[in-house]
Amino acid sequence: MYKRLFNEQFDTEENSDVRKKTKELLTSLRDENFGNHDQRKKFVHLIVGLSLSPDPIARKAIKRIGDFFTDLANELLSEIKEQTK
């Protein structure tokens, strides 16, 4: 669960371009396939773009992506452990 650790007042006019870019990055993450080498490179660029963004929505997305990867890694590692017994 995402915890607010700071003030997330971000909806000002000067930040609208940052919010627009965040929306584009999140839309690409949702809609792309990332099945081939070039698409996986794009995935990395999208994640880096989100992680460097000052937008609170982007920070929330990175936190949730990190949580997802933690759960996925734990699942796959336990699967490997079961296979090597």
PDB file of N, CA and C in Angstrom:
ATOM      1  N   MET A   1       0.832  -1.181   0.000  1.00  0.00           N
ATOM      2  CA  MET A   1       0.000   0.000   0.000  1.00  0.00           C
ATOM      3  C   MET A   1       0.878   1.246   0.000  1.00  0.00           C
ATOM      4  N   TYR A   2       0.541   2.201  -0.800  1.00  0.00           N
ATOM      5  CA  TYR A   2       1.284   3.455  -0.907  1.00  0.00           C
ATOM      6  C   TYR A   2       0.978   4.335   0.291  1.00  0.00           C
ATOM      7  N   LYS A   3       2.037   4.855   0.935  1.00  0.00           N
ATOM      8  CA  LYS A   3       1.868   5.754   2.070  1.00  0.00           C
ATOM      9  C   LYS A   3       2.332   7.145   1.667  1.00  0.00           C
ATOM     10  N   ARG A   4       1.526   8.141   1.958  1.00  0.00           N
ATOM     11  CA  ARG A   4       1.900   9.529   1.676  1.00  0.00           C
ATOM     12  C   ARG A   4       2.936   9.974   2.681  1.00  0.00           C
ATOM     13  N   LEU A   5       4.112  10.308   2.192  1.00  0.00           N
ATOM     14  CA  LEU A   5       5.194  10.751   3.063  1.00  0.00           C
ATOM     15  C   LEU A   5       5.488  12.226   2.898  1.00  0.00           C
ATOM     16  N   PHE A   6       4.786  12.889   2.008  1.00  0.00           N
ATOM     17  CA  PHE A   6       5.051  14.288   1.722  1.00  0.00           C
ATOM     18  C   PHE A   6       3.794  14.916   1.151  1.00  0.00           C
ATOM     19  N   ASN A   7       3.791  16.218   1.048  1.00  0.00           N
ATOM     20  CA  ASN A   7       2.648  16.937   0.491  1.00  0.00           C
ATOM     21  C   ASN A   7       2.588  16.693  -1.005  1.00  0.00           C
ATOM     22  N   GLU A   8       1.455  16.251  -1.495  1.00  0.00           N
ATOM     23  CA  GLU A   8       1.324  15.916  -2.913  1.00  0.00           C
ATOM     24  C   GLU A   8       0.519  16.951  -3.688  1.00  0.00           C
ATOM     25  N   GLN A   9       0.603  18.200  -3.301  1.00  0.00           N
ATOM     26  CA  GLN A   9      -0.054  19.262  -4.050  1.00  0.00           C
ATOM     27  C   GLN A   9       0.780  19.536  -5.305  1.00  0.00           C
ATOM     28  N   PHE A  10       0.290  19.104  -6.435  1.00  0.00           N
ATOM     29  CA  PHE A  10       1.086  19.158  -7.659  1.00  0.00           C
ATOM     30  C   PHE A  10       0.331  19.796  -8.814  1.00  0.00           C
ATOM     31  N   ASP A  11      -0.947  20.010  -8.686  1.00  0.00           N
ATOM     32  CA  ASP A  11      -1.769  20.449  -9.809  1.00  0.00           C
ATOM     33  C   ASP A  11      -1.684  21.948 -10.042  1.00  0.00           C
ATOM     34  N   THR A  12      -0.515  22.430 -10.410  1.00  0.00           N
ATOM     35  CA  THR A  12      -0.343  23.824 -10.765  1.00  0.00           C
ATOM     36  C   THR A  12      -0.059  23.902 -12.254  1.00  0.00           C
ATOM     37  N   GLU A  13      -0.204  25.083 -12.811  1.00  0.00           N
ATOM     38  CA  GLU A  13      -0.030  25.226 -14.258  1.00  0.00           C
ATOM     39  C   GLU A  13       1.385  24.892 -14.708  1.00  0.00           C
ATOM     40  N   GLU A  14       2.401  25.266 -13.913  1.00  0.00           N
ATOM     41  CA  GLU A  14       3.775  24.999 -14.343  1.00  0.00           C
ATOM     42  C   GLU A  14       4.104  23.511 -14.341  1.00  0.00           C
ATOM     43  N   ASN A  15       3.329  22.713 -13.645  1.00  0.00           N
ATOM     44  CA  ASN A  15       3.570  21.278 -13.588  1.00  0.00           C
ATOM     45  C   ASN A  15       2.716  20.487 -14.574  1.00  0.00           C
ATOM     46  N   SER A  16       1.911  21.166 -15.373  1.00  0.00           N
ATOM     47  CA  SER A  16       1.024  20.443 -16.286  1.00  0.00           C
ATOM     48  C   SER A  16       1.809  19.666 -17.345  1.00  0.00           C
ATOM     49  N   ASP A  17       2.966  20.181 -17.785  1.00  0.00           N
ATOM     50  CA  ASP A  17       3.783  19.441 -18.754  1.00  0.00           C
ATOM     51  C   ASP A  17       4.354  18.168 -18.141  1.00  0.00           C
ATOM     52  N   VAL A  18       4.758  18.258 -16.877  1.00  0.00           N
ATOM     53  CA  VAL A  18       5.284  17.077 -16.192  1.00  0.00           C
ATOM     54  C   VAL A  18       4.175  16.046 -16.040  1.00  0.00           C
ATOM     55  N   ARG A  19       2.979  16.479 -15.664  1.00  0.00           N
ATOM     56  CA  ARG A  19       1.848  15.560 -15.508  1.00  0.00           C
ATOM     57  C   ARG A  19       1.497  14.917 -16.852  1.00  0.00           C
ATOM     58  N   LYS A  20       1.564  15.701 -17.924  1.00  0.00           N
ATOM     59  CA  LYS A  20       1.272  15.187 -19.270  1.00  0.00           C
ATOM     60  C   LYS A  20       2.274  14.092 -19.652  1.00  0.00           C
ATOM     61  N   LYS A  21       3.557  14.323 -19.360  1.00  0.00           N
ATOM     62  CA  LYS A  21       4.594  13.338 -19.664  1.00  0.00           C
ATOM     63  C   LYS A  21       4.386  12.072 -18.824  1.00  0.00           C
ATOM     64  N   THR A  22       4.024  12.241 -17.556  1.00  0.00           N
ATOM     65  CA  THR A  22       3.744  11.089 -16.696  1.00  0.00           C
ATOM     66  C   THR A  22       2.607  10.262 -17.275  1.00  0.00           C
ATOM     67  N   LYS A  23       1.564  10.939 -17.744  1.00  0.00           N
ATOM     68  CA  LYS A  23       0.425  10.236 -18.333  1.00  0.00           C
ATOM     69  C   LYS A  23       0.852   9.459 -19.578  1.00  0.00           C
ATOM     70  N   GLU A  24       1.695  10.063 -20.409  1.00  0.00           N
ATOM     71  CA  GLU A  24       2.191   9.374 -21.607  1.00  0.00           C
ATOM     72  C   GLU A  24       3.006   8.133 -21.234  1.00  0.00           C
ATOM     73  N   LEU A  25       3.877   8.251 -20.225  1.00  0.00           N
ATOM     74  CA  LEU A  25       4.693   7.117 -19.798  1.00  0.00           C
ATOM     75  C   LEU A  25       3.824   5.981 -19.264  1.00  0.00           C
ATOM     76  N   LEU A  26       2.860   6.325 -18.419  1.00  0.00           N
ATOM     77  CA  LEU A  26       1.979   5.295 -17.855  1.00  0.00           C
ATOM     78  C   LEU A  26       1.112   4.637 -18.928  1.00  0.00           C
ATOM     79  N   THR A  27       0.658   5.417 -19.895  1.00  0.00           N
ATOM     80  CA  THR A  27      -0.135   4.861 -20.992  1.00  0.00           C
ATOM     81  C   THR A  27       0.704   3.892 -21.817  1.00  0.00           C
ATOM     82  N   SER A  28       1.950   4.248 -22.084  1.00  0.00           N
ATOM     83  CA  SER A  28       2.834   3.346 -22.824  1.00  0.00           C
ATOM     84  C   SER A  28       3.085   2.060 -22.050  1.00  0.00           C
ATOM     85  N   LEU A  29       3.297   2.174 -20.736  1.00  0.00           N
ATOM     86  CA  LEU A  29       3.494   0.964 -19.929  1.00  0.00           C
ATOM     87  C   LEU A  29       2.271   0.062 -19.990  1.00  0.00           C
ATOM     88  N   ARG A  30       1.100   0.656 -20.008  1.00  0.00           N
ATOM     89  CA  ARG A  30      -0.135  -0.124 -20.051  1.00  0.00           C
ATOM     90  C   ARG A  30      -0.342  -0.786 -21.404  1.00  0.00           C
ATOM     91  N   ASP A  31      -0.028  -0.079 -22.483  1.00  0.00           N
ATOM     92  CA  ASP A  31      -0.427  -0.520 -23.819  1.00  0.00           C
ATOM     93  C   ASP A  31       0.626  -1.317 -24.587  1.00  0.00           C
ATOM     94  N   GLU A  32       1.885  -1.206 -24.229  1.00  0.00           N
ATOM     95  CA  GLU A  32       2.940  -1.868 -25.002  1.00  0.00           C
ATOM     96  C   GLU A  32       3.065  -3.340 -24.624  1.00  0.00           C
ATOM     97  N   ASN A  33       3.737  -4.091 -25.495  1.00  0.00           N
ATOM     98  CA  ASN A  33       3.908  -5.517 -25.318  1.00  0.00           C
ATOM     99  C   ASN A  33       5.235  -5.871 -24.648  1.00  0.00           C
ATOM    100  N   PHE A  34       6.328  -5.243 -25.030  1.00  0.00           N
ATOM    101  CA  PHE A  34       7.672  -5.465 -24.496  1.00  0.00           C
ATOM    102  C   PHE A  34       8.162  -6.888 -24.714  1.00  0.00           C
ATOM    103  N   GLY A  35       7.794  -7.469 -25.842  1.00  0.00           N
ATOM    104  CA  GLY A  35       8.172  -8.847 -26.132  1.00  0.00           C
ATOM    105  C   GLY A  35       9.522  -9.010 -26.799  1.00  0.00           C
ATOM    106  N   ASN A  36       9.999  -8.017 -27.532  1.00  0.00           N
ATOM    107  CA  ASN A  36      11.276  -8.172 -28.212  1.00  0.00           C
ATOM    108  C   ASN A  36      12.334  -7.258 -27.581  1.00  0.00           C
ATOM    109  N   HIS A  37      13.550  -7.375 -28.079  1.00  0.00           N
ATOM    110  CA  HIS A  37      14.685  -6.661 -27.500  1.00  0.00           C
ATOM    111  C   HIS A  37      14.477  -5.144 -27.488  1.00  0.00           C
ATOM    112  N   ASP A  38      14.052  -4.581 -28.597  1.00  0.00           N
ATOM    113  CA  ASP A  38      13.863  -3.130 -28.667  1.00  0.00           C
ATOM    114  C   ASP A  38      12.743  -2.655 -27.744  1.00  0.00           C
ATOM    115  N   GLN A  39      11.692  -3.439 -27.637  1.00  0.00           N
ATOM    116  CA  GLN A  39      10.592  -3.079 -26.754  1.00  0.00           C
ATOM    117  C   GLN A  39      11.019  -3.153 -25.284  1.00  0.00           C
ATOM    118  N   ARG A  40      11.887  -4.115 -24.951  1.00  0.00           N
ATOM    119  CA  ARG A  40      12.378  -4.195 -23.572  1.00  0.00           C
ATOM    120  C   ARG A  40      13.267  -3.001 -23.244  1.00  0.00           C
ATOM    121  N   LYS A  41      14.027  -2.519 -24.222  1.00  0.00           N
ATOM    122  CA  LYS A  41      14.805  -1.286 -24.014  1.00  0.00           C
ATOM    123  C   LYS A  41      13.863  -0.113 -23.747  1.00  0.00           C
ATOM    124  N   LYS A  42      12.772  -0.058 -24.493  1.00  0.00           N
ATOM    125  CA  LYS A  42      11.789   1.001 -24.291  1.00  0.00           C
ATOM    126  C   LYS A  42      11.192   0.911 -22.884  1.00  0.00           C
ATOM    127  N   PHE A  43      10.939  -0.302 -22.427  1.00  0.00           N
ATOM    128  CA  PHE A  43      10.413  -0.505 -21.076  1.00  0.00           C
ATOM    129  C   PHE A  43      11.345   0.112 -20.038  1.00  0.00           C
ATOM    130  N   VAL A  44      12.638  -0.140 -20.181  1.00  0.00           N
ATOM    131  CA  VAL A  44      13.619   0.419 -19.243  1.00  0.00           C
ATOM    132  C   VAL A  44      13.589   1.941 -19.287  1.00  0.00           C
ATOM    133  N   HIS A  45      13.516   2.517 -20.472  1.00  0.00           N
ATOM    134  CA  HIS A  45      13.465   3.977 -20.603  1.00  0.00           C
ATOM    135  C   HIS A  45      12.202   4.553 -19.954  1.00  0.00           C
ATOM    136  N   LEU A  46      11.086   3.852 -20.099  1.00  0.00           N
ATOM    137  CA  LEU A  46       9.847   4.311 -19.472  1.00  0.00           C
ATOM    138  C   LEU A  46       9.957   4.290 -17.949  1.00  0.00           C
ATOM    139  N   ILE A  47      10.529   3.222 -17.413  1.00  0.00           N
ATOM    140  CA  ILE A  47      10.692   3.111 -15.964  1.00  0.00           C
ATOM    141  C   ILE A  47      11.636   4.197 -15.444  1.00  0.00           C
ATOM    142  N   VAL A  48      12.721   4.429 -16.154  1.00  0.00           N
ATOM    143  CA  VAL A  48      13.656   5.485 -15.746  1.00  0.00           C
ATOM    144  C   VAL A  48      12.986   6.848 -15.816  1.00  0.00           C
ATOM    145  N   GLY A  49      12.200   7.080 -16.860  1.00  0.00           N
ATOM    146  CA  GLY A  49      11.483   8.347 -16.982  1.00  0.00           C
ATOM    147  C   GLY A  49      10.541   8.580 -15.818  1.00  0.00           C
ATOM    148  N   LEU A  50       9.845   7.530 -15.410  1.00  0.00           N
ATOM    149  CA  LEU A  50       8.949   7.660 -14.259  1.00  0.00           C
ATOM    150  C   LEU A  50       9.728   7.886 -12.965  1.00  0.00           C
ATOM    151  N   SER A  51      10.830   7.170 -12.814  1.00  0.00           N
ATOM    152  CA  SER A  51      11.571   7.273 -11.559  1.00  0.00           C
ATOM    153  C   SER A  51      12.236   8.635 -11.381  1.00  0.00           C
ATOM    154  N   LEU A  52      12.514   9.326 -12.468  1.00  0.00           N
ATOM    155  CA  LEU A  52      13.155  10.639 -12.386  1.00  0.00           C
ATOM    156  C   LEU A  52      12.154  11.789 -12.365  1.00  0.00           C
ATOM    157  N   SER A  53      10.893  11.488 -12.517  1.00  0.00           N
ATOM    158  CA  SER A  53       9.867  12.525 -12.574  1.00  0.00           C
ATOM    159  C   SER A  53       9.569  13.088 -11.180  1.00  0.00           C
ATOM    160  N   PRO A  54       9.351  14.393 -11.095  1.00  0.00           N
ATOM    161  CA  PRO A  54       8.964  14.985  -9.813  1.00  0.00           C
ATOM    162  C   PRO A  54       7.465  14.828  -9.517  1.00  0.00           C
ATOM    163  N   ASP A  55       6.719  14.260 -10.423  1.00  0.00           N
ATOM    164  CA  ASP A  55       5.275  14.103 -10.273  1.00  0.00           C
ATOM    165  C   ASP A  55       4.955  13.051  -9.204  1.00  0.00           C
ATOM    166  N   PRO A  56       4.111  13.370  -8.226  1.00  0.00           N
ATOM    167  CA  PRO A  56       3.742  12.388  -7.199  1.00  0.00           C
ATOM    168  C   PRO A  56       3.080  11.133  -7.759  1.00  0.00           C
ATOM    169  N   ILE A  57       2.343  11.271  -8.845  1.00  0.00           N
ATOM    170  CA  ILE A  57       1.727  10.097  -9.484  1.00  0.00           C
ATOM    171  C   ILE A  57       2.812   9.159 -10.011  1.00  0.00           C
ATOM    172  N   ALA A  58       3.871   9.718 -10.584  1.00  0.00           N
ATOM    173  CA  ALA A  58       4.980   8.903 -11.080  1.00  0.00           C
ATOM    174  C   ALA A  58       5.668   8.182  -9.931  1.00  0.00           C
ATOM    175  N   ARG A  59       5.869   8.874  -8.822  1.00  0.00           N
ATOM    176  CA  ARG A  59       6.494   8.233  -7.654  1.00  0.00           C
ATOM    177  C   ARG A  59       5.612   7.103  -7.122  1.00  0.00           C
ATOM    178  N   LYS A  60       4.314   7.318  -7.132  1.00  0.00           N
ATOM    179  CA  LYS A  60       3.383   6.276  -6.689  1.00  0.00           C
ATOM    180  C   LYS A  60       3.461   5.073  -7.639  1.00  0.00           C
ATOM    181  N   ALA A  61       3.547   5.346  -8.931  1.00  0.00           N
ATOM    182  CA  ALA A  61       3.656   4.260  -9.916  1.00  0.00           C
ATOM    183  C   ALA A  61       4.929   3.451  -9.698  1.00  0.00           C
ATOM    184  N   ILE A  62       6.047   4.130  -9.455  1.00  0.00           N
ATOM    185  CA  ILE A  62       7.315   3.433  -9.232  1.00  0.00           C
ATOM    186  C   ILE A  62       7.230   2.575  -7.972  1.00  0.00           C
ATOM    187  N   LYS A  63       6.615   3.095  -6.930  1.00  0.00           N
ATOM    188  CA  LYS A  63       6.453   2.325  -5.687  1.00  0.00           C
ATOM    189  C   LYS A  63       5.646   1.061  -5.953  1.00  0.00           C
ATOM    190  N   ARG A  64       4.555   1.192  -6.692  1.00  0.00           N
ATOM    191  CA  ARG A  64       3.705   0.020  -6.962  1.00  0.00           C
ATOM    192  C   ARG A  64       4.381  -0.962  -7.907  1.00  0.00           C
ATOM    193  N   ILE A  65       5.155  -0.460  -8.874  1.00  0.00           N
ATOM    194  CA  ILE A  65       5.918  -1.351  -9.765  1.00  0.00           C
ATOM    195  C   ILE A  65       6.957  -2.118  -8.944  1.00  0.00           C
ATOM    196  N   GLY A  66       7.613  -1.429  -8.022  1.00  0.00           N
ATOM    197  CA  GLY A  66       8.582  -2.093  -7.147  1.00  0.00           C
ATOM    198  C   GLY A  66       7.932  -3.181  -6.303  1.00  0.00           C
ATOM    199  N   ASP A  67       6.754  -2.888  -5.757  1.00  0.00           N
ATOM    200  CA  ASP A  67       6.025  -3.888  -4.975  1.00  0.00           C
ATOM    201  C   ASP A  67       5.667  -5.106  -5.839  1.00  0.00           C
ATOM    202  N   PHE A  68       5.246  -4.831  -7.073  1.00  0.00           N
ATOM    203  CA  PHE A  68       4.903  -5.924  -7.984  1.00  0.00           C
ATOM    204  C   PHE A  68       6.127  -6.789  -8.274  1.00  0.00           C
ATOM    205  N   PHE A  69       7.270  -6.161  -8.571  1.00  0.00           N
ATOM    206  CA  PHE A  69       8.477  -6.930  -8.869  1.00  0.00           C
ATOM    207  C   PHE A  69       8.947  -7.722  -7.652  1.00  0.00           C
ATOM    208  N   THR A  70       8.770  -7.191  -6.464  1.00  0.00           N
ATOM    209  CA  THR A  70       9.120  -7.934  -5.249  1.00  0.00           C
ATOM    210  C   THR A  70       8.273  -9.188  -5.138  1.00  0.00           C
ATOM    211  N   ASP A  71       6.968  -9.050  -5.323  1.00  0.00           N
ATOM    212  CA  ASP A  71       6.079 -10.207  -5.262  1.00  0.00           C
ATOM    213  C   ASP A  71       6.403 -11.229  -6.349  1.00  0.00           C
ATOM    214  N   LEU A  72       6.657 -10.741  -7.559  1.00  0.00           N
ATOM    215  CA  LEU A  72       6.990 -11.630  -8.671  1.00  0.00           C
ATOM    216  C   LEU A  72       8.290 -12.381  -8.405  1.00  0.00           C
ATOM    217  N   ALA A  73       9.303 -11.657  -7.941  1.00  0.00           N
ATOM    218  CA  ALA A  73      10.591 -12.300  -7.656  1.00  0.00           C
ATOM    219  C   ALA A  73      10.449 -13.345  -6.560  1.00  0.00           C
ATOM    220  N   ASN A  74       9.701 -13.049  -5.514  1.00  0.00           N
ATOM    221  CA  ASN A  74       9.494 -14.026  -4.445  1.00  0.00           C
ATOM    222  C   ASN A  74       8.812 -15.288  -4.970  1.00  0.00           C
ATOM    223  N   GLU A  75       7.823 -15.097  -5.829  1.00  0.00           N
ATOM    224  CA  GLU A  75       7.116 -16.238  -6.412  1.00  0.00           C
ATOM    225  C   GLU A  75       8.046 -17.083  -7.278  1.00  0.00           C
ATOM    226  N   LEU A  76       8.822 -16.430  -8.134  1.00  0.00           N
ATOM    227  CA  LEU A  76       9.718 -17.171  -9.028  1.00  0.00           C
ATOM    228  C   LEU A  76      10.856 -17.839  -8.271  1.00  0.00           C
ATOM    229  N   LEU A  77      11.370 -17.167  -7.241  1.00  0.00           N
ATOM    230  CA  LEU A  77      12.439 -17.778  -6.447  1.00  0.00           C
ATOM    231  C   LEU A  77      11.949 -19.008  -5.690  1.00  0.00           C
ATOM    232  N   SER A  78      10.729 -18.967  -5.190  1.00  0.00           N
ATOM    233  CA  SER A  78      10.201 -20.152  -4.506  1.00  0.00           C
ATOM    234  C   SER A  78       9.960 -21.279  -5.511  1.00  0.00           C
ATOM    235  N   GLU A  79       9.593 -20.929  -6.724  1.00  0.00           N
ATOM    236  CA  GLU A  79       9.413 -21.927  -7.779  1.00  0.00           C
ATOM    237  C   GLU A  79      10.742 -22.594  -8.110  1.00  0.00           C
ATOM    238  N   ILE A  80      11.795 -21.780  -8.215  1.00  0.00           N
ATOM    239  CA  ILE A  80      13.145 -22.328  -8.471  1.00  0.00           C
ATOM    240  C   ILE A  80      13.572 -23.221  -7.329  1.00  0.00           C
ATOM    241  N   LYS A  81      13.309 -22.791  -6.119  1.00  0.00           N
ATOM    242  CA  LYS A  81      13.690 -23.584  -4.931  1.00  0.00           C
ATOM    243  C   LYS A  81      12.985 -24.933  -4.949  1.00  0.00           C
ATOM    244  N   GLU A  82      11.717 -24.941  -5.330  1.00  0.00           N
ATOM    245  CA  GLU A  82      10.962 -26.205  -5.403  1.00  0.00           C
ATOM    246  C   GLU A  82      11.508 -27.127  -6.484  1.00  0.00           C
ATOM    247  N   GLN A  83      11.935 -26.551  -7.605  1.00  0.00           N
ATOM    248  CA  GLN A  83      12.447 -27.354  -8.708  1.00  0.00           C
ATOM    249  C   GLN A  83      13.823 -27.945  -8.416  1.00  0.00           C
ATOM    250  N   THR A  84      14.588 -27.299  -7.550  1.00  0.00           N
ATOM    251  CA  THR A  84      15.945 -27.777  -7.261  1.00  0.00           C
ATOM    252  C   THR A  84      16.007 -28.708  -6.062  1.00  0.00           C
ATOM    253  N   LYS A  85      14.875 -29.034  -5.482  1.00  0.00           N
ATOM    254  CA  LYS A  85      14.876 -29.975  -4.339  1.00  0.00           C
ATOM    255  C   LYS A  85      15.140 -31.372  -4.798  1.00  0.00           C
TER     256      LYS A  85
END
